[in-house]
Amino acid sequence: MHNPLMHGPFLFHIDALFYFLFGDSDAVSRAPAALAGVVLVALPWLLRGPKLLGRWGALASSLFILASPSILFYTRFIRHDPFTLVGVLLLVICVVRYLE
C-alpha cells in the first residue's frame, strides 16, 4: 500500500515554501521538481575540466539528460526522483573533483 509520507518531509516543506511564495496552484506545485530538472541539466557543466569530461563531454552529458524521456517525465510531478538525482549527481561531482 502506497503512503505519500514514505517519501520524507522534504517534499512537503519545499512545496509549502513554494505555495507560500507564489500561491497554491497546479503550476506552482510542479515548479520545485521542474527547477530540480533544470539544475540537473546544468550540473554536468561542473565536470568540464580537461581531466574530466571536457567541454564537449559536459555539453553532451547535459544534452543526454535534457533529452531523456524518463527524466522529463519525472520532473513534471511532485516526486522525490528529481531531487534524488540532483543530490546523487552533486555527490558524484564532489567526489570526482576531490579526487582530482
N, C-alpha and C. Protein backbone atom coordinates (compact mmCIF):
# COMPACT_ATOMS: atom_id res chain seq x y z
N MET A 1 0.84 -1.17 0.00
CA MET A 1 0.00 0.00 0.00
C MET A 1 0.90 1.25 0.00
N HIS A 2 0.64 2.16 -0.92
CA HIS A 2 1.45 3.36 -1.03
C HIS A 2 0.99 4.41 -0.03
N ASN A 3 1.95 5.03 0.60
CA ASN A 3 1.68 6.11 1.54
C ASN A 3 2.61 7.27 1.19
N PRO A 4 2.11 8.47 0.87
CA PRO A 4 2.99 9.58 0.49
C PRO A 4 3.96 9.99 1.59
N LEU A 5 3.68 9.64 2.82
CA LEU A 5 4.58 10.01 3.91
C LEU A 5 5.88 9.22 3.87
N MET A 6 5.95 8.17 3.06
CA MET A 6 7.18 7.38 2.96
C MET A 6 8.29 8.16 2.25
N HIS A 7 7.95 9.22 1.54
CA HIS A 7 8.96 9.95 0.77
C HIS A 7 9.71 10.96 1.62
N GLY A 8 9.34 11.14 2.84
CA GLY A 8 10.04 12.05 3.73
C GLY A 8 9.45 13.44 3.71
N PRO A 9 9.90 14.29 4.64
CA PRO A 9 9.30 15.61 4.80
C PRO A 9 9.77 16.65 3.78
N PHE A 10 10.84 16.36 3.03
CA PHE A 10 11.37 17.38 2.13
C PHE A 10 10.34 17.84 1.11
N LEU A 11 9.61 16.92 0.53
CA LEU A 11 8.61 17.29 -0.48
C LEU A 11 7.55 18.21 0.12
N PHE A 12 7.12 17.91 1.32
CA PHE A 12 6.11 18.74 1.97
C PHE A 12 6.64 20.14 2.26
N HIS A 13 7.88 20.21 2.70
CA HIS A 13 8.45 21.52 3.05
C HIS A 13 8.74 22.37 1.82
N ILE A 14 9.29 21.77 0.78
CA ILE A 14 9.60 22.55 -0.43
C ILE A 14 8.32 23.01 -1.11
N ASP A 15 7.29 22.16 -1.12
CA ASP A 15 6.02 22.59 -1.71
C ASP A 15 5.35 23.65 -0.86
N ALA A 16 5.43 23.54 0.46
CA ALA A 16 4.86 24.56 1.33
C ALA A 16 5.56 25.90 1.12
N LEU A 17 6.87 25.87 0.93
CA LEU A 17 7.61 27.11 0.67
C LEU A 17 7.16 27.74 -0.64
N PHE A 18 7.03 26.93 -1.69
CA PHE A 18 6.59 27.47 -2.98
C PHE A 18 5.15 27.97 -2.93
N TYR A 19 4.29 27.26 -2.20
CA TYR A 19 2.91 27.72 -2.02
C TYR A 19 2.88 29.05 -1.28
N PHE A 20 3.73 29.18 -0.27
CA PHE A 20 3.79 30.42 0.49
C PHE A 20 4.28 31.58 -0.37
N LEU A 21 5.29 31.31 -1.22
CA LEU A 21 5.87 32.38 -2.02
C LEU A 21 5.01 32.77 -3.22
N PHE A 22 4.40 31.77 -3.88
CA PHE A 22 3.74 32.02 -5.15
C PHE A 22 2.25 31.71 -5.17
N GLY A 23 1.68 31.26 -4.07
CA GLY A 23 0.27 30.88 -4.05
C GLY A 23 0.12 29.41 -4.41
N ASP A 24 -1.08 28.89 -4.21
CA ASP A 24 -1.26 27.46 -4.46
C ASP A 24 -2.01 27.23 -5.77
N SER A 25 -1.37 26.49 -6.65
CA SER A 25 -1.96 26.10 -7.93
C SER A 25 -1.22 24.87 -8.44
N ASP A 26 -1.73 24.28 -9.50
CA ASP A 26 -1.06 23.11 -10.07
C ASP A 26 0.32 23.46 -10.62
N ALA A 27 0.43 24.62 -11.24
CA ALA A 27 1.72 25.03 -11.80
C ALA A 27 2.76 25.24 -10.71
N VAL A 28 2.36 25.84 -9.61
CA VAL A 28 3.30 26.09 -8.52
C VAL A 28 3.70 24.78 -7.86
N SER A 29 2.79 23.82 -7.78
CA SER A 29 3.15 22.54 -7.16
C SER A 29 4.17 21.77 -7.99
N ARG A 30 4.21 21.99 -9.28
CA ARG A 30 5.17 21.30 -10.15
C ARG A 30 6.48 22.06 -10.30
N ALA A 31 6.52 23.30 -9.86
CA ALA A 31 7.71 24.13 -10.06
C ALA A 31 8.96 23.61 -9.36
N PRO A 32 8.92 23.15 -8.10
CA PRO A 32 10.18 22.68 -7.49
C PRO A 32 10.82 21.51 -8.24
N ALA A 33 10.01 20.56 -8.68
CA ALA A 33 10.57 19.44 -9.44
C ALA A 33 11.11 19.91 -10.79
N ALA A 34 10.42 20.84 -11.43
CA ALA A 34 10.90 21.37 -12.71
C ALA A 34 12.22 22.13 -12.53
N LEU A 35 12.33 22.89 -11.46
CA LEU A 35 13.60 23.58 -11.19
C LEU A 35 14.72 22.59 -10.89
N ALA A 36 14.39 21.50 -10.21
CA ALA A 36 15.39 20.47 -9.97
C ALA A 36 15.84 19.86 -11.31
N GLY A 37 14.93 19.72 -12.25
CA GLY A 37 15.29 19.22 -13.57
C GLY A 37 16.21 20.17 -14.31
N VAL A 38 15.96 21.46 -14.17
CA VAL A 38 16.84 22.47 -14.79
C VAL A 38 18.24 22.41 -14.18
N VAL A 39 18.29 22.29 -12.86
CA VAL A 39 19.59 22.18 -12.17
C VAL A 39 20.30 20.91 -12.61
N LEU A 40 19.56 19.84 -12.77
CA LEU A 40 20.14 18.56 -13.18
C LEU A 40 20.78 18.67 -14.57
N VAL A 41 20.15 19.40 -15.47
CA VAL A 41 20.72 19.58 -16.81
C VAL A 41 21.98 20.44 -16.74
N ALA A 42 22.04 21.38 -15.82
CA ALA A 42 23.18 22.28 -15.73
C ALA A 42 24.37 21.68 -14.98
N LEU A 43 24.16 20.67 -14.15
CA LEU A 43 25.23 20.15 -13.30
C LEU A 43 26.43 19.55 -14.06
N PRO A 44 26.28 18.87 -15.17
CA PRO A 44 27.48 18.35 -15.83
C PRO A 44 28.49 19.43 -16.24
N TRP A 45 28.06 20.66 -16.28
CA TRP A 45 28.99 21.74 -16.63
C TRP A 45 30.10 21.86 -15.58
N LEU A 46 29.83 21.37 -14.35
CA LEU A 46 30.86 21.41 -13.31
C LEU A 46 31.96 20.37 -13.55
N LEU A 47 31.76 19.48 -14.48
CA LEU A 47 32.76 18.46 -14.81
C LEU A 47 33.46 18.75 -16.14
N ARG A 48 33.57 20.01 -16.51
CA ARG A 48 34.11 20.35 -17.83
C ARG A 48 35.62 20.49 -17.85
N GLY A 49 36.29 20.13 -16.77
CA GLY A 49 37.75 20.25 -16.73
C GLY A 49 38.43 19.35 -17.75
N PRO A 50 39.67 19.65 -18.11
CA PRO A 50 40.37 18.87 -19.14
C PRO A 50 40.62 17.42 -18.73
N LYS A 51 40.75 17.14 -17.43
CA LYS A 51 40.97 15.77 -16.98
C LYS A 51 39.65 15.03 -16.75
N LEU A 52 38.56 15.73 -16.84
CA LEU A 52 37.25 15.11 -16.57
C LEU A 52 36.52 14.90 -17.89
N LEU A 53 35.35 15.45 -18.04
CA LEU A 53 34.58 15.24 -19.26
C LEU A 53 35.03 16.13 -20.41
N GLY A 54 35.61 17.25 -20.09
CA GLY A 54 35.94 18.22 -21.13
C GLY A 54 34.71 19.06 -21.46
N ARG A 55 34.93 20.09 -22.24
CA ARG A 55 33.82 20.99 -22.56
C ARG A 55 32.75 20.30 -23.39
N TRP A 56 33.16 19.54 -24.40
CA TRP A 56 32.18 18.89 -25.27
C TRP A 56 31.51 17.70 -24.58
N GLY A 57 32.24 17.02 -23.71
CA GLY A 57 31.65 15.91 -22.97
C GLY A 57 30.60 16.39 -21.97
N ALA A 58 30.89 17.52 -21.33
CA ALA A 58 29.91 18.09 -20.40
C ALA A 58 28.67 18.55 -21.15
N LEU A 59 28.87 19.15 -22.31
CA LEU A 59 27.73 19.58 -23.12
C LEU A 59 26.91 18.39 -23.60
N ALA A 60 27.59 17.33 -24.03
CA ALA A 60 26.88 16.12 -24.47
C ALA A 60 26.12 15.48 -23.31
N SER A 61 26.72 15.45 -22.13
CA SER A 61 26.03 14.90 -20.96
C SER A 61 24.77 15.69 -20.65
N SER A 62 24.88 17.00 -20.70
CA SER A 62 23.70 17.84 -20.46
C SER A 62 22.62 17.59 -21.51
N LEU A 63 23.03 17.43 -22.76
CA LEU A 63 22.05 17.16 -23.81
C LEU A 63 21.38 15.80 -23.64
N PHE A 64 22.14 14.80 -23.20
CA PHE A 64 21.55 13.48 -22.95
C PHE A 64 20.55 13.53 -21.79
N ILE A 65 20.90 14.26 -20.74
CA ILE A 65 19.96 14.42 -19.62
C ILE A 65 18.73 15.19 -20.08
N LEU A 66 18.93 16.21 -20.88
CA LEU A 66 17.82 17.02 -21.38
C LEU A 66 16.87 16.20 -22.24
N ALA A 67 17.42 15.30 -23.04
CA ALA A 67 16.59 14.52 -23.97
C ALA A 67 16.07 13.22 -23.37
N SER A 68 16.40 12.93 -22.13
CA SER A 68 15.97 11.68 -21.51
C SER A 68 14.46 11.70 -21.25
N PRO A 69 13.71 10.77 -21.81
CA PRO A 69 12.26 10.77 -21.60
C PRO A 69 11.87 10.49 -20.15
N SER A 70 12.61 9.64 -19.47
CA SER A 70 12.23 9.32 -18.09
C SER A 70 12.49 10.51 -17.17
N ILE A 71 13.59 11.21 -17.36
CA ILE A 71 13.85 12.38 -16.53
C ILE A 71 12.83 13.48 -16.83
N LEU A 72 12.49 13.65 -18.08
CA LEU A 72 11.46 14.63 -18.44
C LEU A 72 10.13 14.27 -17.79
N PHE A 73 9.79 12.99 -17.77
CA PHE A 73 8.53 12.55 -17.17
C PHE A 73 8.50 12.80 -15.67
N TYR A 74 9.56 12.41 -14.97
CA TYR A 74 9.54 12.50 -13.51
C TYR A 74 9.76 13.91 -12.98
N THR A 75 10.30 14.82 -13.80
CA THR A 75 10.46 16.19 -13.33
C THR A 75 9.20 17.03 -13.55
N ARG A 76 8.10 16.38 -13.91
CA ARG A 76 6.84 17.10 -14.07
C ARG A 76 5.91 16.91 -12.89
N PHE A 77 6.27 16.06 -11.94
CA PHE A 77 5.36 15.72 -10.86
C PHE A 77 6.02 15.93 -9.51
N ILE A 78 5.19 15.98 -8.47
CA ILE A 78 5.72 16.12 -7.11
C ILE A 78 6.18 14.74 -6.65
N ARG A 79 7.42 14.43 -6.96
CA ARG A 79 8.01 13.16 -6.57
C ARG A 79 9.41 13.44 -6.06
N HIS A 80 9.99 12.46 -5.42
CA HIS A 80 11.33 12.62 -4.86
C HIS A 80 12.43 12.37 -5.89
N ASP A 81 12.11 11.84 -7.05
CA ASP A 81 13.12 11.43 -8.02
C ASP A 81 14.03 12.56 -8.51
N PRO A 82 13.49 13.73 -8.93
CA PRO A 82 14.41 14.77 -9.41
C PRO A 82 15.36 15.27 -8.33
N PHE A 83 14.87 15.37 -7.11
CA PHE A 83 15.72 15.85 -6.02
C PHE A 83 16.80 14.83 -5.68
N THR A 84 16.44 13.55 -5.77
CA THR A 84 17.42 12.50 -5.52
C THR A 84 18.49 12.50 -6.61
N LEU A 85 18.08 12.68 -7.85
CA LEU A 85 19.05 12.73 -8.95
C LEU A 85 20.00 13.91 -8.80
N VAL A 86 19.48 15.05 -8.42
CA VAL A 86 20.35 16.21 -8.21
C VAL A 86 21.34 15.94 -7.08
N GLY A 87 20.86 15.36 -5.99
CA GLY A 87 21.75 15.06 -4.87
C GLY A 87 22.82 14.05 -5.22
N VAL A 88 22.45 13.01 -5.95
CA VAL A 88 23.42 11.98 -6.34
C VAL A 88 24.45 12.56 -7.31
N LEU A 89 23.98 13.33 -8.28
CA LEU A 89 24.93 13.91 -9.24
C LEU A 89 25.86 14.92 -8.55
N LEU A 90 25.34 15.68 -7.60
CA LEU A 90 26.20 16.59 -6.82
C LEU A 90 27.23 15.81 -6.02
N LEU A 91 26.83 14.70 -5.44
CA LEU A 91 27.77 13.87 -4.69
C LEU A 91 28.85 13.31 -5.60
N VAL A 92 28.48 12.84 -6.77
CA VAL A 92 29.46 12.32 -7.73
C VAL A 92 30.42 13.43 -8.15
N ILE A 93 29.89 14.60 -8.41
CA ILE A 93 30.74 15.73 -8.81
C ILE A 93 31.71 16.09 -7.70
N CYS A 94 31.23 16.13 -6.46
CA CYS A 94 32.10 16.45 -5.33
C CYS A 94 33.20 15.42 -5.16
N VAL A 95 32.88 14.13 -5.29
CA VAL A 95 33.89 13.09 -5.14
C VAL A 95 34.91 13.17 -6.28
N VAL A 96 34.46 13.34 -7.48
CA VAL A 96 35.37 13.40 -8.62
C VAL A 96 36.26 14.63 -8.52
N ARG A 97 35.69 15.76 -8.16
CA ARG A 97 36.51 16.97 -8.04
C ARG A 97 37.49 16.87 -6.87
N TYR A 98 37.09 16.19 -5.81
CA TYR A 98 38.01 15.99 -4.67
C TYR A 98 39.17 15.10 -5.09
N LEU A 99 38.87 14.03 -5.81
CA LEU A 99 39.94 13.13 -6.25
C LEU A 99 40.86 13.80 -7.28
N GLU A 100 40.33 14.76 -8.00
CA GLU A 100 41.15 15.46 -8.99
C GLU A 100 42.20 16.30 -8.26
